[in-house]
Structures are given as C-alpha cells and as structure tokens.
Protein backbone atom coordinates (compact mmCIF):
# COMPACT_ATOMS: atom_id res chain seq x y z
CA MET A 1 29.29 -33.69 -8.96
CA GLN A 2 32.74 -34.24 -10.47
CA THR A 3 34.22 -31.44 -12.56
CA SER A 4 37.27 -31.36 -14.88
CA THR A 5 40.07 -28.82 -14.78
CA ARG A 6 38.42 -26.63 -17.49
CA ASN A 7 35.11 -26.62 -15.65
CA THR A 8 36.80 -26.02 -12.30
CA VAL A 9 38.79 -23.03 -13.51
CA LEU A 10 35.70 -21.32 -14.93
CA LEU A 11 33.47 -22.02 -11.93
CA GLU A 12 36.13 -20.80 -9.49
CA ARG A 13 36.58 -17.56 -11.48
CA SER A 14 32.78 -17.14 -11.47
CA ARG A 15 32.47 -17.84 -7.74
CA THR A 16 35.13 -15.20 -7.03
CA ALA A 17 34.11 -12.45 -9.49
CA VAL A 18 30.37 -12.92 -10.03
CA TRP A 19 27.74 -12.35 -7.33
CA HIS A 20 24.96 -14.70 -8.51
CA PRO A 21 21.23 -13.87 -8.15
CA CYS A 22 18.96 -15.44 -5.56
CA THR A 23 21.95 -17.34 -4.24
CA GLN A 24 23.70 -17.83 -0.94
CA MET A 25 27.20 -17.78 -2.33
CA LYS A 26 28.65 -19.72 0.63
CA GLN A 27 26.71 -22.79 -0.49
CA HIS A 28 28.91 -22.95 -3.53
CA GLU A 29 31.80 -24.02 -1.37
CA THR A 30 30.23 -27.48 -1.54
CA LEU A 31 27.75 -27.21 -4.44
CA PRO A 32 29.67 -26.38 -7.60
CA ILE A 33 28.45 -23.70 -9.96
CA VAL A 34 27.70 -25.23 -13.38
CA PRO A 35 29.84 -23.74 -16.17
CA ILE A 36 27.99 -23.66 -19.50
CA ALA A 37 30.04 -23.34 -22.70
CA ARG A 38 27.31 -23.69 -25.31
CA ALA A 39 23.66 -24.66 -25.83
CA GLN A 40 21.59 -26.25 -28.58
CA GLY A 41 17.87 -27.02 -28.59
CA CYS A 42 16.73 -28.08 -25.13
CA TRP A 43 20.31 -28.92 -24.03
CA LEU A 44 23.01 -26.99 -22.18
CA TYR A 45 26.60 -28.24 -22.44
CA ASP A 46 29.44 -27.58 -19.99
CA CYS A 47 33.12 -27.19 -20.92
CA ASP A 48 33.60 -30.93 -21.12
CA GLY A 49 30.51 -31.56 -23.25
CA LYS A 50 28.37 -32.87 -20.38
CA ARG A 51 24.79 -32.02 -21.12
CA TYR A 52 21.75 -30.90 -19.14
CA LEU A 53 18.15 -30.86 -20.34
CA ASP A 54 16.91 -27.32 -19.71
CA ALA A 55 13.58 -28.33 -18.18
CA ILE A 56 12.88 -24.85 -16.78
CA SER A 57 13.65 -22.87 -19.94
CA SER A 58 16.55 -21.08 -18.17
CA TRP A 59 14.27 -19.33 -15.61
CA TRP A 60 11.18 -19.47 -17.85
CA VAL A 61 12.55 -17.39 -20.77
CA ASN A 62 13.69 -19.80 -23.49
CA LEU A 63 10.60 -20.67 -25.57
CA PHE A 64 12.00 -22.41 -28.68
CA GLY A 65 15.26 -23.91 -27.47
CA HIS A 66 18.74 -22.48 -27.49
CA ALA A 67 20.45 -21.31 -30.71
CA GLU A 68 17.13 -21.23 -32.62
CA PRO A 69 18.26 -20.58 -36.25
CA ARG A 70 15.44 -18.12 -37.15
CA ILE A 71 16.06 -15.89 -34.09
CA ASN A 72 19.82 -16.10 -34.71
CA ALA A 73 19.37 -14.98 -38.31
CA ALA A 74 17.10 -12.08 -37.34
CA ILE A 75 19.54 -10.74 -34.76
CA ILE A 76 22.48 -11.06 -37.15
CA ASP A 77 20.58 -9.19 -39.85
CA GLN A 78 19.60 -6.42 -37.45
CA LEU A 79 23.13 -6.17 -36.13
CA GLN A 80 24.27 -5.13 -39.60
CA ARG A 81 21.65 -2.33 -39.69
CA LEU A 82 21.13 -0.81 -36.24
CA GLU A 83 22.04 -2.15 -32.83
CA HIS A 84 20.56 0.59 -30.68
CA VAL A 85 19.35 4.19 -30.60
CA MET A 86 17.74 5.98 -27.69
CA LEU A 87 13.95 5.95 -27.87
CA ALA A 88 13.50 9.50 -26.51
CA GLY A 89 12.77 11.52 -29.58
CA PHE A 90 13.89 8.75 -31.92
CA THR A 91 12.32 5.54 -33.29
CA HIS A 92 13.11 2.62 -35.55
CA GLU A 93 11.28 -0.03 -37.57
CA PRO A 94 11.64 -2.99 -35.17
CA VAL A 95 10.09 -1.20 -32.18
CA VAL A 96 7.21 0.16 -34.26
CA ALA A 97 6.52 -3.22 -35.91
CA LEU A 98 6.64 -5.01 -32.56
CA SER A 99 4.30 -2.51 -30.93
CA GLU A 100 1.79 -2.91 -33.79
CA ARG A 101 1.91 -6.67 -33.71
CA LEU A 102 1.54 -6.90 -29.94
CA SER A 103 -1.42 -4.50 -30.06
CA ALA A 104 -3.06 -6.67 -32.74
CA LEU A 105 -2.70 -9.70 -30.47
CA THR A 106 -4.95 -7.89 -27.97
CA GLY A 107 -7.47 -7.08 -30.68
CA GLY A 108 -6.31 -3.46 -30.54
CA ALA A 109 -7.61 -3.02 -27.02
CA LEU A 110 -4.12 -2.27 -25.69
CA GLY A 111 -2.76 0.04 -28.34
CA HIS A 112 0.15 1.73 -26.56
CA CYS A 113 3.47 0.01 -25.65
CA PHE A 114 5.97 1.36 -23.11
CA TYR A 115 9.28 -0.60 -23.09
CA GLY A 116 11.61 -1.53 -20.27
CA SER A 117 14.40 -4.02 -19.70
CA ASP A 118 13.00 -6.83 -17.51
CA GLY A 119 9.95 -8.11 -15.71
CA ALA A 120 10.43 -6.09 -12.50
CA SER A 121 10.80 -2.96 -14.62
CA ALA A 122 7.48 -3.72 -16.31
CA THR A 123 5.84 -4.02 -12.92
CA GLU A 124 7.37 -0.71 -11.79
CA ILE A 125 6.10 0.99 -14.98
CA ALA A 126 2.57 -0.31 -14.56
CA LEU A 127 2.35 0.69 -10.91
CA LYS A 128 3.70 4.19 -11.59
CA MET A 129 1.58 4.64 -14.65
CA SER A 130 -1.61 3.68 -12.76
CA PHE A 131 -0.79 6.03 -9.87
CA HIS A 132 0.07 8.87 -12.28
CA PHE A 133 -3.13 8.31 -14.30
CA TRP A 134 -5.28 8.86 -11.23
CA ARG A 135 -3.28 11.96 -10.31
CA ASN A 136 -3.63 13.39 -13.79
CA THR A 137 -7.39 12.74 -13.76
CA GLY A 138 -8.05 14.48 -10.42
CA ARG A 139 -7.99 11.44 -8.15
CA PRO A 140 -4.67 11.85 -6.30
CA ASP A 141 -5.92 9.84 -3.25
CA LYS A 142 -5.85 6.63 -5.32
CA THR A 143 -2.35 5.54 -4.29
CA GLU A 144 -2.76 2.03 -2.91
CA PHE A 145 -2.35 -1.35 -4.52
CA ILE A 146 -3.80 -4.85 -4.03
CA SER A 147 -2.11 -8.13 -4.92
CA ILE A 148 -2.92 -11.78 -4.29
CA ALA A 149 -1.45 -13.74 -1.39
CA GLY A 150 1.73 -15.51 -2.51
CA SER A 151 2.16 -13.19 -5.49
CA TYR A 152 5.47 -12.46 -7.09
CA HIS A 153 5.98 -9.42 -9.33
CA GLY A 154 9.71 -8.71 -9.11
CA GLU A 155 12.35 -7.60 -6.64
CA THR A 156 12.87 -3.94 -7.23
CA LEU A 157 11.31 -1.84 -4.47
CA GLY A 158 8.02 -1.00 -6.12
CA ALA A 159 7.58 -4.51 -7.48
CA LEU A 160 8.63 -6.00 -4.14
CA SER A 161 5.92 -3.90 -2.44
CA VAL A 162 3.26 -5.91 -4.21
CA THR A 163 5.14 -9.25 -3.92
CA ASP A 164 4.06 -11.60 -1.15
CA VAL A 165 6.95 -14.04 -0.80
CA ALA A 166 8.59 -13.74 2.60
CA LEU A 167 11.98 -14.99 1.41
CA PHE A 168 12.33 -11.99 -0.88
CA LYS A 169 10.36 -9.40 1.01
CA ASP A 170 11.00 -9.66 4.76
CA THR A 171 14.56 -8.33 4.80
CA TYR A 172 13.66 -5.21 2.81
CA ALA A 173 10.30 -4.57 4.45
CA PRO A 174 11.38 -1.23 5.96
CA LEU A 175 12.04 0.11 2.46
CA LEU A 176 8.69 -0.84 0.98
CA ARG A 177 5.32 0.79 0.56
CA HIS A 178 2.36 -0.94 2.15
CA SER A 179 0.08 -2.97 -0.05
CA THR A 180 -2.89 -5.21 0.66
CA GLN A 181 -3.01 -8.94 -0.15
CA VAL A 182 -6.27 -10.75 -0.72
CA PRO A 183 -6.67 -14.58 -0.65
CA SER A 184 -5.21 -16.57 -3.48
CA PRO A 185 -7.62 -18.58 -5.65
CA ASP A 186 -4.94 -21.35 -5.69
CA TRP A 187 -7.13 -24.46 -5.84
CA ARG A 188 -4.79 -26.38 -3.52
CA GLN A 189 -6.22 -24.18 -0.71
CA ALA A 190 -9.85 -25.01 -1.44
CA ALA A 191 -11.81 -26.67 1.37
CA ALA A 192 -12.68 -30.34 0.97
CA GLY A 193 -15.41 -30.76 -1.67
CA VAL A 194 -15.04 -27.24 -3.04
CA SER A 195 -14.19 -27.06 -6.76
CA ALA A 196 -11.52 -24.83 -8.20
CA HIS A 197 -14.24 -22.71 -9.79
CA ASP A 198 -16.16 -22.25 -6.53
CA HIS A 199 -12.96 -21.56 -4.60
CA ALA A 200 -12.19 -18.80 -7.14
CA LEU A 201 -15.64 -17.29 -6.52
CA GLN A 202 -15.09 -17.38 -2.76
CA CYS A 203 -11.78 -15.54 -3.10
CA ALA A 204 -13.37 -12.97 -5.43
CA GLN A 205 -15.99 -12.27 -2.72
CA VAL A 206 -13.21 -11.28 -0.36
CA LEU A 207 -11.78 -9.03 -3.00
CA GLU A 208 -15.22 -7.46 -3.44
CA LEU A 209 -15.53 -6.74 0.27
CA HIS A 210 -12.14 -5.02 0.28
CA LEU A 211 -12.97 -2.90 -2.77
CA GLU A 212 -16.30 -1.88 -1.31
CA GLN A 213 -14.46 -0.32 1.63
CA HIS A 214 -11.22 0.90 0.00
CA HIS A 215 -11.85 1.61 -3.66
CA ALA A 216 -11.58 5.37 -3.18
CA ARG A 217 -7.90 4.96 -2.25
CA THR A 218 -7.06 2.00 -4.48
CA ALA A 219 -5.25 2.58 -7.80
CA ALA A 220 -4.96 -0.97 -9.04
CA LEU A 221 -5.20 -4.75 -8.47
CA ILE A 222 -2.21 -6.68 -9.90
CA VAL A 223 -2.50 -10.39 -10.62
CA GLU A 224 -0.52 -13.24 -12.13
CA PRO A 225 -3.15 -14.84 -14.38
CA LEU A 226 -3.91 -18.58 -13.92
CA VAL A 227 -0.48 -19.50 -12.43
CA GLN A 228 1.40 -17.87 -9.51
CA GLY A 229 4.98 -18.88 -10.18
CA ALA A 230 7.00 -18.20 -7.05
CA ALA A 231 4.14 -19.40 -4.90
CA GLY A 232 4.99 -22.87 -6.13
CA MET A 233 3.20 -22.84 -9.48
CA ALA A 234 -0.16 -22.19 -7.77
CA MET A 235 -2.85 -22.70 -10.38
CA TYR A 236 -6.38 -21.39 -10.36
CA ASP A 237 -9.62 -21.17 -12.23
CA ALA A 238 -10.07 -18.42 -14.87
CA GLU A 239 -13.34 -17.43 -13.13
CA TYR A 240 -11.29 -15.37 -10.68
CA LEU A 241 -10.01 -13.18 -13.51
CA ARG A 242 -13.56 -12.67 -14.81
CA GLN A 243 -14.74 -11.64 -11.39
CA ALA A 244 -11.71 -9.38 -10.81
CA ARG A 245 -12.31 -7.58 -14.13
CA ALA A 246 -15.95 -6.97 -13.27
CA LEU A 247 -15.12 -5.74 -9.75
CA CYS A 248 -12.37 -3.38 -11.00
CA ASP A 249 -14.83 -1.95 -13.52
CA ARG A 250 -17.52 -1.52 -10.85
CA TYR A 251 -15.27 0.23 -8.36
CA GLY A 252 -13.08 2.27 -10.68
CA VAL A 253 -9.81 0.37 -10.09
CA HIS A 254 -7.20 -0.58 -12.68
CA LEU A 255 -6.49 -4.22 -13.41
CA ILE A 256 -2.80 -4.95 -14.03
CA VAL A 257 -2.17 -8.39 -15.50
CA ASP A 258 1.37 -9.64 -14.98
CA GLU A 259 2.02 -12.07 -17.84
CA ILE A 260 5.77 -11.87 -17.45
CA MET A 261 5.81 -15.63 -16.97
CA THR A 262 2.42 -16.71 -18.30
CA GLY A 263 2.48 -14.87 -21.62
CA PHE A 264 3.55 -16.18 -25.01
CA GLY A 265 1.73 -19.49 -24.90
CA ARG A 266 2.91 -20.80 -21.57
CA THR A 267 -0.61 -21.51 -20.19
CA GLY A 268 -2.06 -22.88 -23.42
CA THR A 269 -3.30 -19.66 -24.98
CA PHE A 270 -1.08 -16.87 -26.26
CA PHE A 271 -2.00 -14.74 -23.23
CA ALA A 272 -3.31 -16.38 -20.10
CA HIS A 273 -6.04 -13.74 -19.63
CA GLU A 274 -7.61 -14.85 -22.91
CA GLN A 275 -8.98 -17.88 -21.06
CA ALA A 276 -11.16 -15.56 -19.03
CA ASP A 277 -12.25 -13.56 -22.08
CA ILE A 278 -11.15 -10.25 -20.50
CA LYS A 279 -8.87 -7.39 -21.30
CA PRO A 280 -6.72 -5.75 -18.60
CA ASP A 281 -5.93 -2.06 -18.25
CA PHE A 282 -2.20 -2.80 -18.15
CA LEU A 283 -0.46 -5.92 -19.51
CA CYS A 284 3.11 -6.62 -18.40
CA LEU A 285 5.24 -8.83 -20.64
CA SER A 286 8.84 -9.98 -20.53
CA LYS A 287 10.76 -13.31 -20.24
CA GLY A 288 9.69 -15.20 -23.39
CA ILE A 289 9.13 -12.06 -25.45
CA THR A 290 12.54 -12.41 -27.16
CA GLY A 291 12.58 -16.22 -27.07
CA GLY A 292 15.07 -16.09 -24.26
CA TYR A 293 17.73 -14.14 -26.19
CA LEU A 294 17.84 -10.56 -24.97
CA PRO A 295 16.44 -8.48 -22.06
CA LEU A 296 13.21 -6.75 -22.96
CA SER A 297 9.89 -5.93 -21.29
CA VAL A 298 6.82 -4.01 -22.28
CA VAL A 299 3.72 -2.56 -20.58
CA MET A 300 0.73 -2.32 -22.87
CA THR A 301 -2.21 -0.09 -22.00
CA ARG A 302 -5.47 1.41 -23.23
CA ASP A 303 -5.91 4.61 -25.21
CA ASN A 304 -7.83 6.40 -22.45
CA ILE A 305 -4.89 5.89 -20.08
CA TYR A 306 -2.45 7.16 -22.74
CA GLN A 307 -4.62 10.20 -23.35
CA ALA A 308 -4.52 11.16 -19.67
CA PHE A 309 -0.74 11.86 -20.09
CA TYR A 310 -1.00 13.67 -23.47
CA ASP A 311 -0.66 17.32 -22.54
CA GLU A 312 1.45 20.48 -23.01
CA SER A 313 2.77 20.10 -19.42
CA VAL A 314 5.94 18.02 -19.08
CA THR A 315 4.95 17.02 -15.50
CA ARG A 316 1.79 15.37 -16.80
CA GLY A 317 3.90 13.16 -19.09
CA PHE A 318 5.06 9.72 -17.92
CA LEU A 319 8.53 10.52 -16.56
CA HIS A 320 10.14 7.12 -16.65
CA SER A 321 12.96 5.78 -18.80
CA HIS A 322 15.50 3.01 -19.37
CA SER A 323 18.69 3.51 -21.35
CA TYR A 324 17.99 0.48 -23.52
CA THR A 325 14.28 1.08 -23.90
CA GLY A 326 13.01 -0.53 -27.15
CA ASN A 327 16.50 -1.83 -28.07
CA ALA A 328 16.54 -2.67 -31.79
CA LEU A 329 18.24 -6.06 -31.42
CA ALA A 330 15.83 -7.13 -28.69
CA CYS A 331 12.81 -5.99 -30.65
CA ARG A 332 13.97 -7.84 -33.71
CA ALA A 333 14.41 -10.99 -31.63
CA ALA A 334 10.86 -10.50 -30.37
CA LEU A 335 9.57 -10.13 -33.91
CA ALA A 336 11.29 -13.36 -34.86
CA THR A 337 9.66 -15.00 -31.88
CA LEU A 338 6.20 -13.90 -33.00
CA ASP A 339 7.00 -15.18 -36.53
CA ILE A 340 7.76 -18.62 -35.13
CA PHE A 341 4.46 -18.73 -33.32
CA LYS A 342 2.70 -18.16 -36.64
CA GLN A 343 4.92 -20.30 -38.86
CA ASP A 344 4.88 -23.31 -36.58
CA ASP A 345 1.30 -22.95 -35.28
CA VAL A 346 2.91 -23.18 -31.79
CA ILE A 347 -0.26 -22.92 -29.69
CA ALA A 348 -1.86 -25.92 -31.49
CA ALA A 349 1.39 -27.90 -31.51
CA ASN A 350 1.80 -27.34 -27.76
CA ARG A 351 -1.57 -28.91 -27.06
CA GLY A 352 -0.28 -32.19 -28.45
CA LYS A 353 3.00 -31.92 -26.56
CA ALA A 354 1.14 -31.18 -23.35
CA GLN A 355 -0.95 -34.34 -23.77
CA ARG A 356 2.19 -36.40 -24.37
CA MET A 357 3.95 -34.91 -21.35
CA THR A 358 0.95 -35.60 -19.10
CA ALA A 359 0.79 -39.21 -20.38
CA ALA A 360 4.57 -39.66 -19.83
CA THR A 361 4.31 -38.48 -16.25
CA LYS A 362 1.52 -40.81 -15.09
CA LYS A 363 3.86 -42.90 -12.94
CA LEU A 364 5.35 -39.79 -11.42
CA ALA A 365 1.87 -38.42 -10.63
CA ALA A 366 0.98 -41.70 -8.93
CA HIS A 367 4.08 -41.81 -6.73
CA PRO A 368 3.15 -42.08 -3.08
CA ARG A 369 5.20 -38.99 -2.10
CA VAL A 370 3.70 -36.81 -4.83
CA ARG A 371 0.86 -34.46 -3.99
CA HIS A 372 -1.24 -32.09 -6.18
CA PHE A 373 0.20 -33.16 -9.53
CA ARG A 374 -1.18 -30.49 -11.86
CA SER A 375 -0.68 -28.74 -15.16
CA THR A 376 -1.76 -25.69 -17.09
CA GLY A 377 -0.68 -25.51 -20.72
CA MET A 378 3.09 -26.09 -20.84
CA ILE A 379 3.60 -26.01 -17.07
CA TRP A 380 3.58 -29.08 -14.77
CA ALA A 381 4.12 -29.12 -11.02
CA PHE A 382 3.79 -31.27 -7.92
CA GLU A 383 4.67 -31.24 -4.26
CA VAL A 384 6.87 -33.84 -2.59
CA ASP A 385 5.67 -35.08 0.76
CA SER A 386 7.94 -35.04 3.82
CA ALA A 387 10.57 -32.93 2.04
CA GLY A 388 13.15 -31.57 4.45
CA PRO A 389 14.47 -28.00 4.52
CA ALA A 390 17.33 -28.85 2.10
CA PHE A 391 15.07 -30.68 -0.36
CA SER A 392 15.35 -28.09 -3.09
CA ARG A 393 19.13 -28.16 -3.07
CA HIS A 394 19.34 -31.96 -2.92
CA PHE A 395 16.86 -32.39 -5.73
CA PHE A 396 18.65 -29.80 -7.87
CA GLU A 397 22.01 -31.57 -7.35
CA ALA A 398 20.58 -35.00 -8.05
CA ALA A 399 18.93 -33.69 -11.20
CA LEU A 400 22.25 -32.39 -12.51
CA ALA A 401 23.71 -35.85 -11.98
CA HIS A 402 20.81 -37.19 -14.13
CA GLU A 403 21.45 -34.60 -16.96
CA LEU A 404 18.54 -32.42 -15.95
CA LEU A 405 18.23 -28.78 -14.98
CA LEU A 406 15.42 -28.65 -12.42
CA ARG A 407 15.17 -25.99 -9.75
CA PRO A 408 12.42 -26.78 -7.19
CA ILE A 409 10.60 -23.98 -5.31
CA SER A 410 10.77 -25.27 -1.75
CA ASN A 411 9.14 -28.72 -2.03
CA THR A 412 7.48 -27.97 -5.39
CA VAL A 413 9.07 -29.60 -8.46
CA TYR A 414 7.99 -28.12 -11.74
CA PHE A 415 8.60 -28.54 -15.46
CA MET A 416 8.54 -25.57 -17.80
CA PRO A 417 10.52 -26.81 -20.83
CA PRO A 418 11.13 -25.11 -24.16
CA TYR A 419 8.35 -25.68 -26.63
CA SER A 420 10.83 -27.43 -28.92
CA ILE A 421 11.09 -30.41 -26.56
CA ASN A 422 10.56 -33.64 -28.47
CA ASP A 423 8.98 -36.94 -27.47
CA ALA A 424 12.30 -38.60 -26.58
CA GLU A 425 13.21 -35.66 -24.37
CA ILE A 426 9.76 -35.72 -22.73
CA GLU A 427 10.23 -39.39 -21.91
CA LEU A 428 13.73 -38.76 -20.59
CA LEU A 429 12.52 -35.92 -18.38
CA ALA A 430 9.68 -37.97 -16.94
CA THR A 431 11.60 -41.17 -16.28
CA ARG A 432 14.67 -39.49 -14.80
CA THR A 433 12.59 -37.22 -12.54
CA LEU A 434 10.92 -40.34 -11.20
CA ALA A 435 14.33 -41.94 -10.65
CA ILE A 436 15.55 -38.82 -8.77
CA LEU A 437 12.50 -38.92 -6.58
CA GLU A 438 13.11 -42.57 -5.74
CA LYS A 439 16.79 -41.86 -5.06
CA ILE A 440 16.24 -38.99 -2.63
CA SER A 441 13.49 -40.87 -0.84
C-alpha cells in the first residue's frame, strides 16, 4: 500500500509513540499503519483523502456512521452545560435519564444501572457483583463461574478468566482464576443431520449435568447471546438461552448476558436475548451504546440483587468504581443514540437492509472456497477454505487496497457495517469482497 509524505509522517510517529492494541508491532515494519484524518458516514478518510468503507463499524461500535449530526449536536449541547462530575455522591440529568430509558427497554425487569468505561469493565462488574451478592446472602461458597467454549468477555484479568480464546488467554494463564467452559451451541459444530435447534438442546444438556454437580459452588453462567464474536462469529439458536435461563433458575445460579457486541440492534432485535423471550440477572452493555462516540459501559440488574447490597454496613456495599463512571458527555451521546433508534425506526429499517445485503452477497456465498456463509441481524460471516496462517493479514491488506476496512478473525471474514450503510455501499462491499477473495486465491 503506497502512502504519501503526510500519511507516512503520521504513521511513523504513531508506530514510534503509540503501542497499538491486539497488535504485533513488528509487523508494521512491512504493513503500514493506516492514518485516518476524518470520517463521514460509513467512510474513513486518510490524510490524502483516500477512503475506506468501515465494514466492521470500527471494532463493532459505530452504529449510525461517523459524524452523525444528531449525536454531534447532543454532545456539543452537553459540553456547554456539564462535561463531567464524579458519580459518588453526585448525579446529573443525562445519567438518570439514560438509566430510566435503559430500564424501560427491559420492561423494568432490570431497574438498576451501574456504569463503567468499557466492555471488559462491564464483565468485571457483573462477575464481582454476582460473587458479592452470594456472599451478602449467606452463600460465600458460590465463587465459581461458567462460560461457553470459545467465549470472549474482555481482556482484563477477571474478564479473561471467563474468556476461552487461547490467543488472548494462554500467556496470562498463571494470573487467572479457574473457570469452567461448557460446549458451545455454535451450529457449525453440529453433527451431520442435527439442526441448530437440536444442537442447542444437546449443549444445554451438558450444562445441566454440570450444574447438577456443581451448582452449590457456582455463582453465575456468562454467555454471549446468539453470536460469539471472537470465536469467529459463531451463531446459535435462541433455544440455548431459553434452556440456560431455566437451568439457572432451577439451580440457583445467576445468568449474565454479555450484550457488549450483540446489543443495540445488532442481531435484529434491540437486545439479542429478546429472541429467547428471557430476562437475565445481569445485562452487560457497551460498544454501540454511545453510537461509537465515547467510552461507556453499563451493567443492569434486578431489584433483588440491588437490595442485597442495601445496608448500613459499608462492606456490604458494592465497592467498585471508575473515575469516569456515568460521564455526562457519554450519557448524552447514548441518549441521542436511543433517540435515533426511535426516530428512524432502526430495527424495522435494518430488516430491509439485511435482506438487501444477503441478496447482494449471493455470489460470495456460492464461492467454492466459502464455507458456512451465515447471518444474524446485521452480522454476516463466512469461512475461507484452505486459508494459510497469514490469511487474515493478507485479506486485511488486500481489502484496504479495495477501499474496505475488513479485519478477519483467523479464516473468518465478517461484515458488521454501520446501520447507515446504503444500497450502493452494500453492493460495493459485496462485489469488492468477492474480488478480494478471487485475488488472494
């Protein structure tokens, strides 16, 4: 990829001064870092004006495109009023309004919101809160957690303990608490002739056997509902969530639903767990909550869990904090995001866009090297046969040359575009991805 002097200066400064996430920095001796100067809609622009279609919503956060005027206006208005105040002993209108509106979206079942800064923070909060609940209610032996094989819940130590992706976890294994993984309901792993629904039931039976034996020491099960992102966009039937909810109820175990990626319409409903007609004990949200503008996360929970901490004793309170908890600017961006969902009837509009994307990718789905082409809501994914160990890097680099930002997970290529993507951009994404696949073949 050729770069101009302006681009080169910025990327060299970045390579020297910035330690980039999930990155082997030595690779950038030959693979240039991409310097972005501005963004508009679905497009990112470098210092020379070269554009890239942001087909992964900048790591799954940007819901409505870059520089969305309504979110811009909300942040500017809030900036003139209050940028931040600590949430310990203080409050403000945006955080109260956001909490009320999020609660209403759960039908009031999850009426208490605890704020953090990012997805991993939300996972940490939910794990600690579950553990502390059992301690406060006289069950201090319930200290263990279950997650699904291939799960990803963040990379801080607590979150990494319930993550099951070797690339992230193996190096830090000596620092982590033990957790148990049960089989994934990922339908790609179903035996020949077994439906996605029946495979989900089979996996739930294994979960049941584990809970029968270990429920007395188990605090919570944590799941990514319907789609496991870092596992290669593993998709599964909602029946697993229904079974998991019933089993957690039967055995007295919390259900933590990690909707950091899947929330805010990404799977076709506002929350993914709605498709199973269940309510979790803890709901973790982040990424799209501010439309991709500012860091914010929240853990929502039930009143009975909140009440277990409500006491004269400080030690029975939930002793966890973040300096920027409930930041006013971030909360205002989140409120603007919720407004857009209502104003533009986004969930309904996305159904039409999903149909058009699926139609546009028919040739890609039929390619002889493509396996398991699949979609859930506004997520599409497929595996590429006979992909070598450097496939992800080569595909990423080829995509940039075709004006696309695509970042495969191993040999899994996926699309998770902003909801503002239009028909011309859908066609461009589909046809150029097919061209890239032909080129690297």
